[in-house]
C-alpha atoms as a PDB file:
ATOM      1  CA  UNK A   1      72.240 130.435 113.903  1.00  0.00           C
ATOM      2  CA  UNK A   2      71.031 128.792 110.688  1.00  0.00           C
ATOM      3  CA  UNK A   3      71.866 125.117 110.482  1.00  0.00           C
ATOM      4  CA  UNK A   4      72.935 123.680 107.150  1.00  0.00           C
ATOM      5  CA  UNK A   5      70.529 121.329 105.454  1.00  0.00           C
ATOM      6  CA  UNK A   6      71.409 117.662 106.008  1.00  0.00           C
ATOM      7  CA  UNK A   7      72.452 115.672 102.968  1.00  0.00           C
ATOM      8  CA  UNK A   8      69.488 113.805 101.594  1.00  0.00           C
ATOM      9  CA  UNK A   9      71.478 110.937 100.114  1.00  0.00           C
ATOM     10  CA  UNK A  10      73.572 108.000 101.308  1.00  0.00           C
ATOM     11  CA  UNK A  11      77.186 108.918 100.617  1.00  0.00           C
ATOM     12  CA  UNK A  12      78.425 105.339 100.331  1.00  0.00           C
ATOM     13  CA  UNK A  13      75.698 104.361  97.883  1.00  0.00           C
ATOM     14  CA  UNK A  14      76.228 107.545  95.874  1.00  0.00           C
ATOM     15  CA  UNK A  15      79.963 106.847  95.687  1.00  0.00           C
ATOM     16  CA  UNK A  16      79.336 103.293  94.528  1.00  0.00           C
ATOM     17  CA  UNK A  17      77.179 104.634  91.706  1.00  0.00           C
ATOM     18  CA  UNK A  18      79.722 107.310  90.781  1.00  0.00           C
ATOM     19  CA  UNK A  19      82.491 104.704  90.863  1.00  0.00           C
ATOM     20  CA  UNK A  20      80.672 102.630  88.263  1.00  0.00           C
ATOM     21  CA  UNK A  21      80.176 105.624  85.974  1.00  0.00           C
ATOM     22  CA  UNK A  22      83.886 106.529  86.140  1.00  0.00           C
ATOM     23  CA  UNK A  23      84.768 102.860  85.682  1.00  0.00           C
ATOM     24  CA  UNK A  24      82.658 102.466  82.556  1.00  0.00           C
ATOM     25  CA  UNK A  25      83.311 105.820  80.897  1.00  0.00           C
ATOM     26  CA  UNK A  26      86.613 107.145  82.260  1.00  0.00           C
ATOM     27  CA  UNK A  27      87.004 110.535  83.906  1.00  0.00           C
ATOM     28  CA  UNK A  28      86.433 112.665  80.815  1.00  0.00           C
ATOM     29  CA  UNK A  29      83.658 110.414  79.503  1.00  0.00           C
ATOM     30  CA  UNK A  30      81.757 110.590  82.782  1.00  0.00           C
ATOM     31  CA  UNK A  31      79.668 113.737  82.372  1.00  0.00           C
ATOM     32  CA  UNK A  32      78.135 115.655  85.238  1.00  0.00           C
ATOM     33  CA  UNK A  33      74.708 114.641  83.966  1.00  0.00           C
ATOM     34  CA  UNK A  34      75.664 110.943  84.025  1.00  0.00           C
ATOM     35  CA  UNK A  35      77.094 111.209  87.519  1.00  0.00           C
ATOM     36  CA  UNK A  36      74.215 113.094  89.118  1.00  0.00           C
ATOM     37  CA  UNK A  37      71.640 110.828  87.470  1.00  0.00           C
ATOM     38  CA  UNK A  38      73.406 107.684  88.708  1.00  0.00           C
ATOM     39  CA  UNK A  39      73.849 109.137  92.193  1.00  0.00           C
ATOM     40  CA  UNK A  40      70.270 110.378  92.360  1.00  0.00           C
ATOM     41  CA  UNK A  41      71.272 113.945  93.274  1.00  0.00           C
ATOM     42  CA  UNK A  42      71.399 117.425  91.767  1.00  0.00           C
ATOM     43  CA  UNK A  43      74.647 119.201  90.816  1.00  0.00           C
ATOM     44  CA  UNK A  44      74.550 121.537  93.847  1.00  0.00           C
ATOM     45  CA  UNK A  45      74.494 118.502  96.152  1.00  0.00           C
ATOM     46  CA  UNK A  46      77.451 116.979  94.333  1.00  0.00           C
ATOM     47  CA  UNK A  47      79.512 120.151  94.694  1.00  0.00           C
ATOM     48  CA  UNK A  48      78.457 120.627  98.309  1.00  0.00           C
ATOM     49  CA  UNK A  49      79.520 117.098  99.224  1.00  0.00           C
ATOM     50  CA  UNK A  50      82.641 116.646  97.085  1.00  0.00           C
ATOM     51  CA  UNK A  51      83.708 120.091  95.937  1.00  0.00           C
ATOM     52  CA  UNK A  52      84.217 119.209  92.289  1.00  0.00           C
ATOM     53  CA  UNK A  53      84.115 116.387  89.778  1.00  0.00           C
ATOM     54  CA  UNK A  54      87.763 115.652  90.578  1.00  0.00           C
ATOM     55  CA  UNK A  55      86.922 115.616  94.274  1.00  0.00           C
ATOM     56  CA  UNK A  56      84.158 113.116  93.559  1.00  0.00           C
ATOM     57  CA  UNK A  57      86.593 110.875  91.675  1.00  0.00           C
ATOM     58  CA  UNK A  58      89.053 110.949  94.572  1.00  0.00           C
ATOM     59  CA  UNK A  59      86.273 110.041  97.000  1.00  0.00           C
ATOM     60  CA  UNK A  60      85.207 107.189  94.708  1.00  0.00           C
ATOM     61  CA  UNK A  61      88.824 106.023  94.525  1.00  0.00           C
ATOM     62  CA  UNK A  62      89.016 106.025  98.321  1.00  0.00           C
ATOM     63  CA  UNK A  63      85.916 103.850  98.340  1.00  0.00           C
ATOM     64  CA  UNK A  64      87.501 101.551  95.754  1.00  0.00           C
ATOM     65  CA  UNK A  65      90.681 101.409  97.847  1.00  0.00           C
ATOM     66  CA  UNK A  66      88.703 100.049 100.787  1.00  0.00           C
ATOM     67  CA  UNK A  67      87.748  97.048  98.683  1.00  0.00           C
ATOM     68  CA  UNK A  68      91.283  96.602  97.357  1.00  0.00           C
ATOM     69  CA  UNK A  69      92.825  96.730 100.827  1.00  0.00           C
ATOM     70  CA  UNK A  70      90.814  93.681 101.878  1.00  0.00           C
ATOM     71  CA  UNK A  71      91.825  91.926  98.676  1.00  0.00           C
ATOM     72  CA  UNK A  72      95.497  92.765  99.211  1.00  0.00           C
ATOM     73  CA  UNK A  73      95.455  91.359 102.734  1.00  0.00           C
ATOM     74  CA  UNK A  74      94.424  88.040 101.210  1.00  0.00           C
ATOM     75  CA  UNK A  75      97.066  88.305  98.471  1.00  0.00           C
ATOM     76  CA  UNK A  76      99.954  89.191 100.784  1.00  0.00           C
ATOM     77  CA  UNK A  77      99.081  86.350 103.164  1.00  0.00           C
ATOM     78  CA  UNK A  78     100.277  83.823 100.583  1.00  0.00           C
ATOM     79  CA  UNK A  79     102.841  81.421 102.059  1.00  0.00           C
ATOM     80  CA  UNK A  80     105.418  81.975  99.291  1.00  0.00           C
ATOM     81  CA  UNK A  81     106.243  84.625  96.710  1.00  0.00           C
ATOM     82  CA  UNK A  82     104.717  82.394  94.037  1.00  0.00           C
ATOM     83  CA  UNK A  83     101.560  81.983  96.138  1.00  0.00           C
ATOM     84  CA  UNK A  84     101.343  85.766  96.441  1.00  0.00           C
ATOM     85  CA  UNK A  85     101.729  86.222  92.688  1.00  0.00           C
ATOM     86  CA  UNK A  86      99.200  83.476  91.950  1.00  0.00           C
ATOM     87  CA  UNK A  87      96.631  84.930  94.344  1.00  0.00           C
ATOM     88  CA  UNK A  88      97.167  88.414  92.896  1.00  0.00           C
ATOM     89  CA  UNK A  89      96.824  87.452  89.230  1.00  0.00           C
ATOM     90  CA  UNK A  90      94.097  84.845  89.711  1.00  0.00           C
ATOM     91  CA  UNK A  91      91.921  87.241  91.676  1.00  0.00           C
ATOM     92  CA  UNK A  92      92.396  89.864  88.973  1.00  0.00           C
ATOM     93  CA  UNK A  93      91.249  87.401  86.310  1.00  0.00           C
ATOM     94  CA  UNK A  94      88.136  86.791  88.414  1.00  0.00           C
ATOM     95  CA  UNK A  95      87.340  90.372  89.421  1.00  0.00           C
ATOM     96  CA  UNK A  96      88.008  91.938  86.017  1.00  0.00           C
ATOM     97  CA  UNK A  97      85.490  89.616  84.388  1.00  0.00           C
ATOM     98  CA  UNK A  98      82.924  89.638  87.203  1.00  0.00           C
ATOM     99  CA  UNK A  99      79.559  90.506  85.606  1.00  0.00           C
ATOM    100  CA  UNK A 100      78.623  92.364  88.796  1.00  0.00           C
ATOM    101  CA  UNK A 101      81.235  95.023  87.946  1.00  0.00           C
ATOM    102  CA  UNK A 102      82.256  96.899  84.809  1.00  0.00           C
ATOM    103  CA  UNK A 103      85.035  95.041  82.962  1.00  0.00           C
ATOM    104  CA  UNK A 104      88.661  95.858  83.711  1.00  0.00           C
ATOM    105  CA  UNK A 105      89.974  98.000  86.546  1.00  0.00           C
ATOM    106  CA  UNK A 106      88.862 101.439  87.711  1.00  0.00           C
ATOM    107  CA  UNK A 107      92.497 102.478  88.232  1.00  0.00           C
ATOM    108  CA  UNK A 108      93.138 101.871  84.515  1.00  0.00           C
ATOM    109  CA  UNK A 109      89.760 102.706  82.985  1.00  0.00           C
ATOM    110  CA  UNK A 110      89.311 105.893  84.962  1.00  0.00           C
ATOM    111  CA  UNK A 111      92.277 107.571  83.318  1.00  0.00           C
ATOM    112  CA  UNK A 112      91.645 106.687  79.698  1.00  0.00           C
ATOM    113  CA  UNK A 113      91.353 109.568  77.238  1.00  0.00           C
ATOM    114  CA  UNK A 114      91.923 112.372  79.730  1.00  0.00           C
ATOM    115  CA  UNK A 115      92.216 115.680  77.937  1.00  0.00           C
ATOM    116  CA  UNK A 116      92.832 119.330  78.742  1.00  0.00           C
ATOM    117  CA  UNK A 117      91.881 120.183  82.295  1.00  0.00           C
ATOM    118  CA  UNK A 118      92.196 116.560  83.430  1.00  0.00           C
ATOM    119  CA  UNK A 119      95.975 116.284  83.471  1.00  0.00           C
ATOM    120  CA  UNK A 120      96.056 115.400  87.177  1.00  0.00           C
ATOM    121  CA  UNK A 121      93.812 112.364  86.815  1.00  0.00           C
ATOM    122  CA  UNK A 122      96.294 109.891  85.256  1.00  0.00           C
ATOM    123  CA  UNK A 123      98.834 110.890  87.924  1.00  0.00           C
ATOM    124  CA  UNK A 124      96.274 110.312  90.677  1.00  0.00           C
ATOM    125  CA  UNK A 125      95.425 106.867  89.318  1.00  0.00           C
ATOM    126  CA  UNK A 126      99.089 105.957  88.850  1.00  0.00           C
ATOM    127  CA  UNK A 127      99.752 106.927  92.467  1.00  0.00           C
ATOM    128  CA  UNK A 128      96.995 104.579  93.603  1.00  0.00           C
ATOM    129  CA  UNK A 129      98.376 101.727  91.483  1.00  0.00           C
ATOM    130  CA  UNK A 130     101.840 102.386  92.913  1.00  0.00           C
ATOM    131  CA  UNK A 131     100.517 101.676  96.401  1.00  0.00           C
ATOM    132  CA  UNK A 132      99.754  98.096  95.383  1.00  0.00           C
ATOM    133  CA  UNK A 133     103.159  97.775  93.736  1.00  0.00           C
ATOM    134  CA  UNK A 134     104.814  98.970  96.947  1.00  0.00           C
ATOM    135  CA  UNK A 135     102.954  96.372  99.005  1.00  0.00           C
ATOM    136  CA  UNK A 136     104.035  93.633  96.617  1.00  0.00           C
ATOM    137  CA  UNK A 137     107.642  94.806  96.657  1.00  0.00           C
ATOM    138  CA  UNK A 138     107.773  94.798 100.452  1.00  0.00           C
ATOM    139  CA  UNK A 139     106.326  91.277 100.529  1.00  0.00           C
ATOM    140  CA  UNK A 140     108.924  90.057  98.035  1.00  0.00           C
ATOM    141  CA  UNK A 141     111.704  91.642 100.079  1.00  0.00           C
ATOM    142  CA  UNK A 142     110.492  89.506 102.985  1.00  0.00           C
ATOM    143  CA  UNK A 143     110.429  86.442 100.733  1.00  0.00           C
ATOM    144  CA  UNK A 144     114.014  87.063  99.631  1.00  0.00           C
ATOM    145  CA  UNK A 145     115.191  87.428 103.228  1.00  0.00           C
ATOM    146  CA  UNK A 146     113.452  84.169 104.090  1.00  0.00           C
ATOM    147  CA  UNK A 147     115.189  82.344 101.244  1.00  0.00           C
ATOM    148  CA  UNK A 148     111.977  81.896  99.287  1.00  0.00           C
ATOM    149  CA  UNK A 149     113.373  83.953  96.396  1.00  0.00           C
ATOM    150  CA  UNK A 150     116.851  83.613  94.931  1.00  0.00           C
ATOM    151  CA  UNK A 151     119.479  85.986  96.285  1.00  0.00           C
ATOM    152  CA  UNK A 152     119.924  87.529  92.836  1.00  0.00           C
ATOM    153  CA  UNK A 153     116.185  88.206  92.489  1.00  0.00           C
ATOM    154  CA  UNK A 154     114.940  91.798  92.413  1.00  0.00           C
ATOM    155  CA  UNK A 155     111.797  92.328  94.518  1.00  0.00           C
ATOM    156  CA  UNK A 156     111.152  95.758  92.987  1.00  0.00           C
ATOM    157  CA  UNK A 157     111.334  94.370  89.443  1.00  0.00           C
ATOM    158  CA  UNK A 158     109.031  91.464  90.316  1.00  0.00           C
ATOM    159  CA  UNK A 159     106.487  93.814  91.870  1.00  0.00           C
ATOM    160  CA  UNK A 160     106.664  96.124  88.842  1.00  0.00           C
ATOM    161  CA  UNK A 161     106.254  93.130  86.546  1.00  0.00           C
ATOM    162  CA  UNK A 162     103.082  92.013  88.342  1.00  0.00           C
ATOM    163  CA  UNK A 163     101.721  95.557  88.375  1.00  0.00           C
ATOM    164  CA  UNK A 164     102.313  95.849  84.627  1.00  0.00           C
ATOM    165  CA  UNK A 165     100.701  92.478  83.926  1.00  0.00           C
ATOM    166  CA  UNK A 166      97.717  93.474  86.063  1.00  0.00           C
ATOM    167  CA  UNK A 167      97.255  96.705  84.089  1.00  0.00           C
ATOM    168  CA  UNK A 168      97.454  94.764  80.844  1.00  0.00           C
ATOM    169  CA  UNK A 169      94.862  92.278  82.071  1.00  0.00           C
ATOM    170  CA  UNK A 170      92.596  95.208  82.854  1.00  0.00           C
ATOM    171  CA  UNK A 171      92.933  96.534  79.317  1.00  0.00           C
ATOM    172  CA  UNK A 172      92.268  93.075  77.884  1.00  0.00           C
ATOM    173  CA  UNK A 173      89.146  92.669  80.012  1.00  0.00           C
ATOM    174  CA  UNK A 174      87.817  96.078  79.003  1.00  0.00           C
ATOM    175  CA  UNK A 175      88.368  95.070  75.356  1.00  0.00           C
ATOM    176  CA  UNK A 176      86.202  91.984  75.765  1.00  0.00           C
ATOM    177  CA  UNK A 177      88.665  89.254  76.756  1.00  0.00           C
ATOM    178  CA  UNK A 178      86.992  86.505  78.769  1.00  0.00           C
ATOM    179  CA  UNK A 179      88.051  85.000  82.100  1.00  0.00           C
ATOM    180  CA  UNK A 180      89.935  82.081  80.570  1.00  0.00           C
ATOM    181  CA  UNK A 181      92.029  84.447  78.437  1.00  0.00           C
ATOM    182  CA  UNK A 182      93.038  86.363  81.561  1.00  0.00           C
ATOM    183  CA  UNK A 183      93.757  83.134  83.418  1.00  0.00           C
ATOM    184  CA  UNK A 184      96.099  82.111  80.609  1.00  0.00           C
ATOM    185  CA  UNK A 185      98.006  85.381  80.987  1.00  0.00           C
ATOM    186  CA  UNK A 186      98.220  84.725  84.726  1.00  0.00           C
ATOM    187  CA  UNK A 187      99.544  81.184  84.206  1.00  0.00           C
ATOM    188  CA  UNK A 188     102.260  82.316  81.817  1.00  0.00           C
ATOM    189  CA  UNK A 189     103.266  85.214  84.074  1.00  0.00           C
ATOM    190  CA  UNK A 190     103.785  82.882  87.035  1.00  0.00           C
ATOM    191  CA  UNK A 191     106.815  81.506  85.199  1.00  0.00           C
ATOM    192  CA  UNK A 192     108.733  84.443  86.686  1.00  0.00           C
ATOM    193  CA  UNK A 193     108.387  82.912  90.147  1.00  0.00           C
ATOM    194  CA  UNK A 194     110.043  79.747  91.515  1.00  0.00           C
ATOM    195  CA  UNK A 195     107.842  76.841  92.533  1.00  0.00           C
ATOM    196  CA  UNK A 196     109.620  76.397  95.849  1.00  0.00           C
ATOM    197  CA  UNK A 197     111.812  78.322  98.255  1.00  0.00           C
ATOM    198  CA  UNK A 198     114.793  76.145  97.328  1.00  0.00           C
ATOM    199  CA  UNK A 199     115.353  78.321  94.259  1.00  0.00           C
ATOM    200  CA  UNK A 200     117.438  80.639  96.413  1.00  0.00           C
ATOM    201  CA  UNK A 201     120.315  78.151  96.321  1.00  0.00           C
ATOM    202  CA  UNK A 202     120.278  77.899  92.542  1.00  0.00           C
ATOM    203  CA  UNK A 203     120.954  74.664  90.643  1.00  0.00           C
ATOM    204  CA  UNK A 204     123.181  72.102  92.313  1.00  0.00           C
END
């Protein structure tokens, strides 16, 4: 029996490099030559490990999701709905302008300018963003039950609002907006959330 040749590259490191290429150039802009050069492998190795360019993107997104899951645990641990929103938006302002990463968000940047043959990519990225929105919605449902949000509040709408603001902050960052500009967006957006749990009773 002939054994297959072992992979001669570190998958995690290769995915980190591919992630950055997709992040900087989008799915269509990230050419096979760019990806294999960054990953330090040849095209046959890429196809053997990931099946296709789309398969590589999905693997890179899984890697990205590992980082986001840790971040979301911190966000959702906020004591109040406003704390959750503040942690979410403030951390985005920081991460989207972190010089250690490409500007913006992979889940936004990766789907820009997708053309023929890449129709599934925006849907894939939207599905990943929806996971975060779902987590926020479930946390706000808990906040409403606890009296931290007003009884007429809509957890789904608040989660969608934050998700939309986050996407917009990603676009701003990728267009050159600095950290303070994103922080200003975050501060204004927090106006949608009460400062204390007593808001549930409304004005006296």
